[in-house]
C-alpha atoms as a PDB file:
ATOM      1  CA  MET A   1     -28.734  -0.074 -71.918  1.00  0.00           C
ATOM      2  CA  THR A   2     -31.563  -0.411 -69.365  1.00  0.00           C
ATOM      3  CA  CYS A   3     -33.682   2.023 -71.392  1.00  0.00           C
ATOM      4  CA  VAL A   4     -33.094  -0.021 -74.554  1.00  0.00           C
ATOM      5  CA  GLY A   5     -34.088  -3.220 -72.737  1.00  0.00           C
ATOM      6  CA  GLY A   6     -37.247  -1.563 -71.419  1.00  0.00           C
ATOM      7  CA  LEU A   7     -38.109  -0.283 -74.885  1.00  0.00           C
ATOM      8  CA  LEU A   8     -37.656  -3.757 -76.358  1.00  0.00           C
ATOM      9  CA  LEU A   9     -39.931  -5.215 -73.660  1.00  0.00           C
ATOM     10  CA  ILE A  10     -42.616  -2.641 -74.439  1.00  0.00           C
ATOM     11  CA  MET A  11     -42.278  -3.342 -78.166  1.00  0.00           C
ATOM     12  CA  ASP A  12     -42.577  -7.087 -77.502  1.00  0.00           C
ATOM     13  CA  ARG A  13     -45.958  -6.500 -75.867  1.00  0.00           C
ATOM     14  CA  SER A  14     -47.222  -4.163 -78.561  1.00  0.00           C
ATOM     15  CA  ALA A  15     -47.834  -6.760 -81.243  1.00  0.00           C
ATOM     16  CA  PRO A  16     -48.909 -10.330 -80.624  1.00  0.00           C
ATOM     17  CA  ARG A  17     -46.610 -12.857 -82.196  1.00  0.00           C
ATOM     18  CA  ALA A  18     -48.422 -15.265 -84.476  1.00  0.00           C
ATOM     19  CA  ASP A  19     -45.829 -15.836 -87.171  1.00  0.00           C
ATOM     20  CA  GLY A  20     -45.706 -19.315 -88.592  1.00  0.00           C
ATOM     21  CA  PHE A  21     -46.831 -21.095 -91.728  1.00  0.00           C
ATOM     22  CA  THR A  22     -49.836 -23.044 -92.950  1.00  0.00           C
ATOM     23  CA  LEU A  23     -50.340 -26.382 -94.638  1.00  0.00           C
ATOM     24  CA  THR A  24     -53.318 -26.845 -96.942  1.00  0.00           C
ATOM     25  CA  PRO A  25     -56.284 -28.924 -95.842  1.00  0.00           C
ATOM     26  CA  LEU A  26     -55.954 -32.678 -96.344  1.00  0.00           C
ATOM     27  CA  ALA A  27     -59.084 -32.877 -98.495  1.00  0.00           C
ATOM     28  CA  THR A  28     -57.624 -30.628-101.183  1.00  0.00           C
ATOM     29  CA  ALA A  29     -54.036 -31.790-101.037  1.00  0.00           C
ATOM     30  CA  ALA A  30     -52.642 -34.308-103.495  1.00  0.00           C
ATOM     31  CA  THR A  31     -50.829 -36.183-100.726  1.00  0.00           C
ATOM     32  CA  THR A  32     -50.564 -35.736 -96.995  1.00  0.00           C
ATOM     33  CA  SER A  33     -50.164 -31.993 -97.465  1.00  0.00           C
ATOM     34  CA  SER A  34     -46.437 -32.272 -96.772  1.00  0.00           C
ATOM     35  CA  ILE A  35     -46.965 -32.800 -93.057  1.00  0.00           C
ATOM     36  CA  GLU A  36     -43.268 -33.609 -92.828  1.00  0.00           C
ATOM     37  CA  ALA A  37     -42.679 -29.863 -93.218  1.00  0.00           C
ATOM     38  CA  ILE A  38     -43.571 -29.440 -89.542  1.00  0.00           C
ATOM     39  CA  PHE A  39     -40.285 -31.123 -88.634  1.00  0.00           C
ATOM     40  CA  ARG A  40     -38.206 -28.569 -90.538  1.00  0.00           C
ATOM     41  CA  THR A  41     -38.134 -26.183 -87.590  1.00  0.00           C
ATOM     42  CA  THR A  42     -36.012 -23.051 -87.310  1.00  0.00           C
ATOM     43  CA  THR A  43     -34.457 -24.444 -84.131  1.00  0.00           C
ATOM     44  CA  GLU A  44     -33.285 -28.050 -83.906  1.00  0.00           C
ATOM     45  CA  LEU A  45     -36.151 -30.410 -83.070  1.00  0.00           C
ATOM     46  CA  ASP A  46     -36.088 -30.966 -79.295  1.00  0.00           C
ATOM     47  CA  ARG A  47     -37.138 -34.617 -79.185  1.00  0.00           C
ATOM     48  CA  LYS A  48     -36.514 -34.967 -75.435  1.00  0.00           C
ATOM     49  CA  ARG A  49     -38.759 -32.015 -74.518  1.00  0.00           C
ATOM     50  CA  TRP A  50     -41.976 -33.250 -76.131  1.00  0.00           C
ATOM     51  CA  GLN A  51     -43.626 -35.901 -73.977  1.00  0.00           C
ATOM     52  CA  ALA A  52     -47.358 -35.242 -74.391  1.00  0.00           C
ATOM     53  CA  ILE A  53     -49.981 -33.578 -76.585  1.00  0.00           C
ATOM     54  CA  VAL A  54     -52.867 -31.428 -75.302  1.00  0.00           C
ATOM     55  CA  ILE A  55     -55.962 -30.727 -77.418  1.00  0.00           C
ATOM     56  CA  HIS A  56     -57.753 -27.394 -76.966  1.00  0.00           C
ATOM     57  CA  HIS A  57     -60.476 -25.417 -78.710  1.00  0.00           C
ATOM     58  CA  SER A  58     -60.466 -21.693 -79.426  1.00  0.00           C
ATOM     59  CA  GLY A  59     -63.881 -21.142 -77.832  1.00  0.00           C
ATOM     60  CA  SER A  60     -64.989 -19.141 -80.864  1.00  0.00           C
ATOM     61  CA  SER A  61     -66.255 -20.381 -84.208  1.00  0.00           C
ATOM     62  CA  VAL A  62     -64.456 -17.539 -85.984  1.00  0.00           C
ATOM     63  CA  SER A  63     -60.753 -17.511 -85.063  1.00  0.00           C
ATOM     64  CA  ASP A  64     -57.334 -17.667 -86.649  1.00  0.00           C
ATOM     65  CA  ALA A  65     -53.744 -17.479 -85.425  1.00  0.00           C
ATOM     66  CA  ASP A  66     -53.776 -13.681 -85.235  1.00  0.00           C
ATOM     67  CA  SER A  67     -57.004 -13.397 -83.247  1.00  0.00           C
ATOM     68  CA  ILE A  68     -55.969 -16.181 -80.855  1.00  0.00           C
ATOM     69  CA  ALA A  69     -52.546 -14.551 -80.421  1.00  0.00           C
ATOM     70  CA  ARG A  70     -54.208 -11.232 -79.550  1.00  0.00           C
ATOM     71  CA  GLU A  71     -56.400 -13.001 -76.990  1.00  0.00           C
ATOM     72  CA  HIS A  72     -53.381 -14.755 -75.461  1.00  0.00           C
ATOM     73  CA  GLN A  73     -51.451 -11.499 -75.348  1.00  0.00           C
ATOM     74  CA  SER A  74     -54.330  -9.799 -73.537  1.00  0.00           C
ATOM     75  CA  ARG A  75     -53.836 -12.453 -70.824  1.00  0.00           C
ATOM     76  CA  GLY A  76     -50.106 -11.760 -70.525  1.00  0.00           C
ATOM     77  CA  SER A  77     -48.588 -14.159 -73.049  1.00  0.00           C
ATOM     78  CA  LYS A  78     -46.056 -13.010 -75.630  1.00  0.00           C
ATOM     79  CA  GLY A  79     -48.298 -14.108 -78.488  1.00  0.00           C
ATOM     80  CA  LEU A  80     -49.831 -17.345 -79.638  1.00  0.00           C
ATOM     81  CA  GLY A  81     -49.639 -19.903 -76.843  1.00  0.00           C
ATOM     82  CA  HIS A  82     -50.371 -22.951 -79.020  1.00  0.00           C
ATOM     83  CA  HIS A  83     -47.985 -24.844 -81.273  1.00  0.00           C
ATOM     84  CA  PHE A  84     -50.603 -25.754 -83.901  1.00  0.00           C
ATOM     85  CA  ILE A  85     -54.053 -24.495 -84.925  1.00  0.00           C
ATOM     86  CA  ILE A  86     -56.528 -26.353 -87.146  1.00  0.00           C
ATOM     87  CA  GLY A  87     -59.045 -24.207 -89.049  1.00  0.00           C
ATOM     88  CA  ASN A  88     -62.775 -24.811 -89.448  1.00  0.00           C
ATOM     89  CA  GLY A  89     -63.513 -23.037 -92.745  1.00  0.00           C
ATOM     90  CA  ARG A  90     -64.253 -19.586 -91.405  1.00  0.00           C
ATOM     91  CA  LYS A  91     -61.160 -17.372 -91.006  1.00  0.00           C
ATOM     92  CA  MET A  92     -58.965 -20.356 -91.929  1.00  0.00           C
ATOM     93  CA  ASP A  93     -59.679 -23.056 -94.497  1.00  0.00           C
ATOM     94  CA  ASP A  94     -61.432 -26.141 -93.183  1.00  0.00           C
ATOM     95  CA  GLY A  95     -58.700 -28.509 -91.998  1.00  0.00           C
ATOM     96  CA  GLU A  96     -55.915 -25.990 -92.650  1.00  0.00           C
ATOM     97  CA  LEU A  97     -52.992 -26.516 -90.298  1.00  0.00           C
ATOM     98  CA  TYR A  98     -51.235 -23.459 -88.909  1.00  0.00           C
ATOM     99  CA  VAL A  99     -47.757 -24.117 -87.514  1.00  0.00           C
ATOM    100  CA  GLY A 100     -46.988 -21.484 -84.902  1.00  0.00           C
ATOM    101  CA  TYR A 101     -43.747 -19.812 -83.928  1.00  0.00           C
ATOM    102  CA  ARG A 102     -43.531 -21.732 -80.657  1.00  0.00           C
ATOM    103  CA  TRP A 103     -43.232 -24.975 -82.627  1.00  0.00           C
ATOM    104  CA  GLN A 104     -40.866 -23.395 -85.144  1.00  0.00           C
ATOM    105  CA  ASP A 105     -38.636 -22.168 -82.307  1.00  0.00           C
ATOM    106  CA  GLN A 106     -39.175 -25.353 -80.235  1.00  0.00           C
ATOM    107  CA  ALA A 107     -40.353 -23.079 -77.435  1.00  0.00           C
ATOM    108  CA  PRO A 108     -42.585 -24.013 -74.513  1.00  0.00           C
ATOM    109  CA  GLY A 109     -46.278 -23.400 -74.939  1.00  0.00           C
ATOM    110  CA  ALA A 110     -48.459 -20.985 -73.024  1.00  0.00           C
ATOM    111  CA  HIS A 111     -51.658 -23.011 -73.117  1.00  0.00           C
ATOM    112  CA  ALA A 112     -52.088 -25.076 -69.963  1.00  0.00           C
ATOM    113  CA  GLY A 113     -53.455 -24.037 -66.611  1.00  0.00           C
ATOM    114  CA  GLY A 114     -54.073 -25.827 -63.386  1.00  0.00           C
ATOM    115  CA  ALA A 115     -51.633 -27.417 -60.972  1.00  0.00           C
ATOM    116  CA  LYS A 116     -49.879 -29.373 -63.719  1.00  0.00           C
ATOM    117  CA  GLY A 117     -49.927 -26.448 -66.166  1.00  0.00           C
ATOM    118  CA  PRO A 118     -46.233 -25.585 -65.849  1.00  0.00           C
ATOM    119  CA  TRP A 119     -45.201 -29.146 -66.760  1.00  0.00           C
ATOM    120  CA  TYR A 120     -47.600 -29.279 -69.727  1.00  0.00           C
ATOM    121  CA  ASN A 121     -46.462 -25.875 -70.981  1.00  0.00           C
ATOM    122  CA  GLN A 122     -42.845 -27.087 -70.923  1.00  0.00           C
ATOM    123  CA  HIS A 123     -43.313 -30.626 -72.260  1.00  0.00           C
ATOM    124  CA  ALA A 124     -46.607 -30.871 -74.160  1.00  0.00           C
ATOM    125  CA  ILE A 125     -47.410 -29.912 -77.722  1.00  0.00           C
ATOM    126  CA  SER A 126     -50.551 -27.791 -77.896  1.00  0.00           C
ATOM    127  CA  ILE A 127     -53.056 -28.320 -80.711  1.00  0.00           C
ATOM    128  CA  CYS A 128     -55.997 -25.908 -80.886  1.00  0.00           C
ATOM    129  CA  LEU A 129     -59.110 -26.635 -82.943  1.00  0.00           C
ATOM    130  CA  VAL A 130     -60.869 -23.471 -84.102  1.00  0.00           C
ATOM    131  CA  GLY A 131     -64.412 -23.586 -82.780  1.00  0.00           C
ATOM    132  CA  ASP A 132     -66.462 -23.854 -79.636  1.00  0.00           C
ATOM    133  CA  GLY A 133     -66.791 -27.543 -78.867  1.00  0.00           C
ATOM    134  CA  ASN A 134     -69.488 -26.815 -76.291  1.00  0.00           C
ATOM    135  CA  ARG A 135     -71.828 -25.408 -78.949  1.00  0.00           C
ATOM    136  CA  GLN A 136     -70.923 -27.046 -82.239  1.00  0.00           C
ATOM    137  CA  LYS A 137     -69.199 -30.178 -83.471  1.00  0.00           C
ATOM    138  CA  PHE A 138     -65.839 -29.898 -85.157  1.00  0.00           C
ATOM    139  CA  THR A 139     -65.763 -30.512 -88.899  1.00  0.00           C
ATOM    140  CA  PRO A 140     -64.743 -33.834 -90.459  1.00  0.00           C
ATOM    141  CA  ALA A 141     -61.784 -32.028 -92.092  1.00  0.00           C
ATOM    142  CA  GLN A 142     -60.605 -30.726 -88.710  1.00  0.00           C
ATOM    143  CA  LEU A 143     -60.852 -34.159 -87.133  1.00  0.00           C
ATOM    144  CA  ALA A 144     -59.038 -35.811 -90.059  1.00  0.00           C
ATOM    145  CA  ARG A 145     -56.241 -33.256 -89.759  1.00  0.00           C
ATOM    146  CA  LEU A 146     -56.122 -33.681 -85.978  1.00  0.00           C
ATOM    147  CA  GLU A 147     -55.841 -37.457 -86.267  1.00  0.00           C
ATOM    148  CA  HIS A 148     -53.119 -37.172 -88.920  1.00  0.00           C
ATOM    149  CA  LEU A 149     -51.149 -34.578 -86.936  1.00  0.00           C
ATOM    150  CA  ILE A 150     -51.339 -36.545 -83.674  1.00  0.00           C
ATOM    151  CA  SER A 151     -50.325 -39.761 -85.401  1.00  0.00           C
ATOM    152  CA  THR A 152     -47.385 -38.055 -87.106  1.00  0.00           C
ATOM    153  CA  LEU A 153     -46.184 -36.353 -83.914  1.00  0.00           C
ATOM    154  CA  CYS A 154     -46.549 -39.501 -81.784  1.00  0.00           C
ATOM    155  CA  THR A 155     -44.656 -41.598 -84.308  1.00  0.00           C
ATOM    156  CA  GLU A 156     -41.842 -39.136 -84.988  1.00  0.00           C
ATOM    157  CA  LEU A 157     -41.345 -38.045 -81.364  1.00  0.00           C
ATOM    158  CA  LYS A 158     -42.181 -41.401 -79.762  1.00  0.00           C
ATOM    159  CA  ILE A 159     -44.944 -39.875 -77.642  1.00  0.00           C
ATOM    160  CA  PRO A 160     -47.051 -42.631 -76.075  1.00  0.00           C
ATOM    161  CA  ARG A 161     -50.642 -42.416 -77.283  1.00  0.00           C
ATOM    162  CA  ASP A 162     -51.910 -42.406 -73.717  1.00  0.00           C
ATOM    163  CA  ARG A 163     -50.106 -39.067 -73.321  1.00  0.00           C
ATOM    164  CA  VAL A 164     -52.565 -37.405 -75.729  1.00  0.00           C
ATOM    165  CA  VAL A 165     -54.943 -35.554 -73.417  1.00  0.00           C
ATOM    166  CA  LEU A 166     -57.744 -33.033 -73.578  1.00  0.00           C
ATOM    167  CA  ALA A 167     -57.364 -29.631 -71.922  1.00  0.00           C
ATOM    168  CA  ARG A 168     -60.121 -30.574 -69.465  1.00  0.00           C
ATOM    169  CA  ASP A 169     -58.052 -33.565 -68.336  1.00  0.00           C
ATOM    170  CA  ILE A 170     -55.370 -31.301 -66.890  1.00  0.00           C
ATOM    171  CA  ALA A 171     -57.166 -28.128 -65.797  1.00  0.00           C
ATOM    172  CA  PRO A 172     -60.636 -26.960 -64.687  1.00  0.00           C
ATOM    173  CA  VAL A 173     -61.745 -25.974 -68.215  1.00  0.00           C
ATOM    174  CA  SER A 174     -64.270 -27.459 -70.634  1.00  0.00           C
ATOM    175  CA  GLY A 175     -61.938 -27.617 -73.662  1.00  0.00           C
ATOM    176  CA  PRO A 176     -62.104 -28.938 -76.260  1.00  0.00           C
ATOM    177  CA  GLY A 177     -65.803 -28.958 -75.400  1.00  0.00           C
ATOM    178  CA  LYS A 178     -68.537 -31.429 -74.561  1.00  0.00           C
ATOM    179  CA  LEU A 179     -69.168 -32.096 -78.280  1.00  0.00           C
ATOM    180  CA  PHE A 180     -65.584 -33.150 -78.937  1.00  0.00           C
ATOM    181  CA  PRO A 181     -65.659 -36.834 -79.992  1.00  0.00           C
ATOM    182  CA  GLU A 182     -63.478 -38.226 -77.229  1.00  0.00           C
ATOM    183  CA  ALA A 183     -64.467 -41.851 -77.915  1.00  0.00           C
ATOM    184  CA  TRP A 184     -63.499 -41.416 -81.585  1.00  0.00           C
ATOM    185  CA  LEU A 185     -60.127 -39.986 -80.543  1.00  0.00           C
ATOM    186  CA  ARG A 186     -59.401 -42.841 -78.143  1.00  0.00           C
ATOM    187  CA  GLU A 187     -60.384 -45.371 -80.807  1.00  0.00           C
ATOM    188  CA  SER A 188     -58.270 -43.709 -83.491  1.00  0.00           C
ATOM    189  CA  LEU A 189     -55.310 -43.704 -81.101  1.00  0.00           C
ATOM    190  CA  GLY A 190     -55.809 -47.384 -80.439  1.00  0.00           C
ATOM    191  CA  ARG A 191     -56.503 -47.104 -76.732  1.00  0.00           C
END
C-alpha cells in the first residue's frame, strides 16, 4: 500500500492541475455571462471559509490557466493556486473568466505569501489578472469582469468590501502591479 501511495504522489506532481471551466467575456455575452454558474461548485459552497479577496497578476502578458498552473507546480504547488483567472485577449479571450478547480472544490488557495499568507490561503479567494501590471495596464474588459466578479462574490458571500486587498497589501510583492488602477477599484467598491 505504501508503494501505491508513493506512486499516486509522484503522479500528482507529474501534471499540473488546472481543470475548471470558463465564462465568456462580458462584452460579448447577452447578459452577465451566467456569473451565477460560479456558485454551482462540485463541493458545497463553504460560506464561512471565504472572508477576503486577494487580487494578483500573472506577471506575464501571455498566460492562461495551464501555464500558470505549470508555474505554480514548479514552485511546489499541486497545480493552479488561484481560484479565478481573468484573460487579457492573448491566450484567453479578453475578459474571459476561468473558474479553477480550487474554487470548484472549495479548496484553499496557494497564492499568498508573507507572514499572513497562511491565513489568506485558507480564507481568501484569489483572483489573478493575466498580464504584468508593472509594464502594461489591464484591459477595460478585464477590469469590468473583475469589478463584476468582486461585486458578485462580496454580495453572495457577505465579504466586506474593505476585505478586498491587493497581493502587495499582504506580502512583499508588487502584484497586481504599479499600473493597476487601485483608486478605481476603491471607488467601484464604494470605499
